[in-house]
């Protein structure tokens, strides 16, 4: 709780800049990991949105939308084997 009090004691413009830098960095890393080979792409994206949502309303809305879309995704469909095609 002391950390939260100290964070709220920081002037709002300074908090927003710090949040933007940290959250933006996490989003950029997540975006780079989509293109570059490497694991753990989505956790960086969600962590960046989570950090940004702490200070910005637009990020809260975007994070909520990402959560609802992630809930809709069924991982069983991604790895479901498709029946072989018949040769015609």
Protein backbone atom coordinates (compact mmCIF):
# COMPACT_ATOMS: atom_id res chain seq x y z
CA UNK A 1 0.00 0.00 0.00
CA UNK A 2 2.91 2.38 0.56
CA UNK A 3 3.97 1.98 -3.05
CA UNK A 4 0.47 2.91 -4.22
CA UNK A 5 0.46 6.01 -1.98
CA UNK A 6 3.90 7.01 -3.23
CA UNK A 7 2.79 6.49 -6.85
CA UNK A 8 -0.29 8.65 -6.34
CA UNK A 9 1.94 11.30 -4.78
CA UNK A 10 3.87 11.69 -8.04
CA UNK A 11 2.49 14.52 -10.19
CA UNK A 12 0.05 13.26 -12.84
CA UNK A 13 2.05 14.35 -15.93
CA UNK A 14 5.15 12.59 -14.61
CA UNK A 15 3.10 9.43 -13.85
CA UNK A 16 1.69 9.48 -17.37
CA UNK A 17 5.11 9.80 -18.98
CA UNK A 18 6.55 6.96 -16.87
CA UNK A 19 3.53 4.79 -17.61
CA UNK A 20 3.70 5.58 -21.31
CA UNK A 21 7.40 4.71 -21.51
CA UNK A 22 7.11 1.42 -19.58
CA UNK A 23 3.86 0.30 -21.20
CA UNK A 24 4.96 1.39 -24.66
CA UNK A 25 8.24 -0.48 -24.29
CA UNK A 26 6.39 -3.67 -23.35
CA UNK A 27 4.06 -3.26 -26.33
CA UNK A 28 6.98 -2.71 -28.70
CA UNK A 29 8.77 -5.79 -27.36
CA UNK A 30 5.58 -7.81 -27.81
CA UNK A 31 5.18 -6.48 -31.35
CA UNK A 32 8.76 -7.35 -32.21
CA UNK A 33 8.35 -10.85 -30.85
CA UNK A 34 5.42 -11.38 -33.21
CA UNK A 35 7.76 -10.87 -36.17
CA UNK A 36 10.99 -12.23 -34.70
CA UNK A 37 11.31 -15.83 -33.59
CA UNK A 38 10.81 -16.16 -29.88
CA UNK A 39 8.35 -17.24 -27.26
CA UNK A 40 6.06 -15.25 -24.99
CA UNK A 41 4.60 -12.74 -27.45
CA UNK A 42 1.17 -12.18 -25.92
CA UNK A 43 2.28 -11.79 -22.29
CA UNK A 44 4.34 -8.72 -23.26
CA UNK A 45 1.41 -7.23 -25.16
CA UNK A 46 -1.03 -7.83 -22.31
CA UNK A 47 1.48 -6.56 -19.74
CA UNK A 48 1.97 -3.38 -21.75
CA UNK A 49 -1.78 -2.85 -21.97
CA UNK A 50 -2.15 -3.54 -18.27
CA UNK A 51 0.49 -0.95 -17.39
CA UNK A 52 -1.05 1.61 -19.72
CA UNK A 53 -4.57 0.88 -18.43
CA UNK A 54 -3.46 1.95 -14.97
CA UNK A 55 -3.21 5.54 -16.16
CA UNK A 56 -5.09 5.89 -19.46
CA UNK A 57 -8.80 5.30 -20.11
CA UNK A 58 -8.28 4.40 -23.78
CA UNK A 59 -5.94 1.60 -22.74
CA UNK A 60 -8.52 0.30 -20.25
CA UNK A 61 -11.09 0.04 -23.04
CA UNK A 62 -8.61 -1.65 -25.36
CA UNK A 63 -7.54 -4.10 -22.65
CA UNK A 64 -11.17 -4.98 -21.90
CA UNK A 65 -11.83 -5.61 -25.57
CA UNK A 66 -8.69 -7.77 -25.84
CA UNK A 67 -9.82 -9.78 -22.81
CA UNK A 68 -13.26 -10.46 -24.27
CA UNK A 69 -11.77 -11.48 -27.62
CA UNK A 70 -9.24 -13.73 -25.87
CA UNK A 71 -12.06 -15.46 -23.99
CA UNK A 72 -13.82 -16.16 -27.29
CA UNK A 73 -10.76 -17.91 -28.71
CA UNK A 74 -10.93 -21.65 -28.30
CA UNK A 75 -7.44 -23.18 -28.23
CA UNK A 76 -8.90 -26.60 -29.04
CA UNK A 77 -9.86 -25.30 -32.49
CA UNK A 78 -6.32 -24.17 -33.17
CA UNK A 79 -4.84 -27.64 -32.76
CA UNK A 80 -7.74 -29.64 -34.12
CA UNK A 81 -6.63 -32.00 -36.85
CA UNK A 82 -8.39 -31.50 -40.11
CA UNK A 83 -9.61 -34.56 -42.03
CA UNK A 84 -7.46 -35.43 -45.04
CA UNK A 85 -8.66 -34.18 -48.39
CA UNK A 86 -9.89 -36.65 -50.93
CA UNK A 87 -8.05 -36.71 -54.22
CA UNK A 88 -10.36 -35.82 -57.05
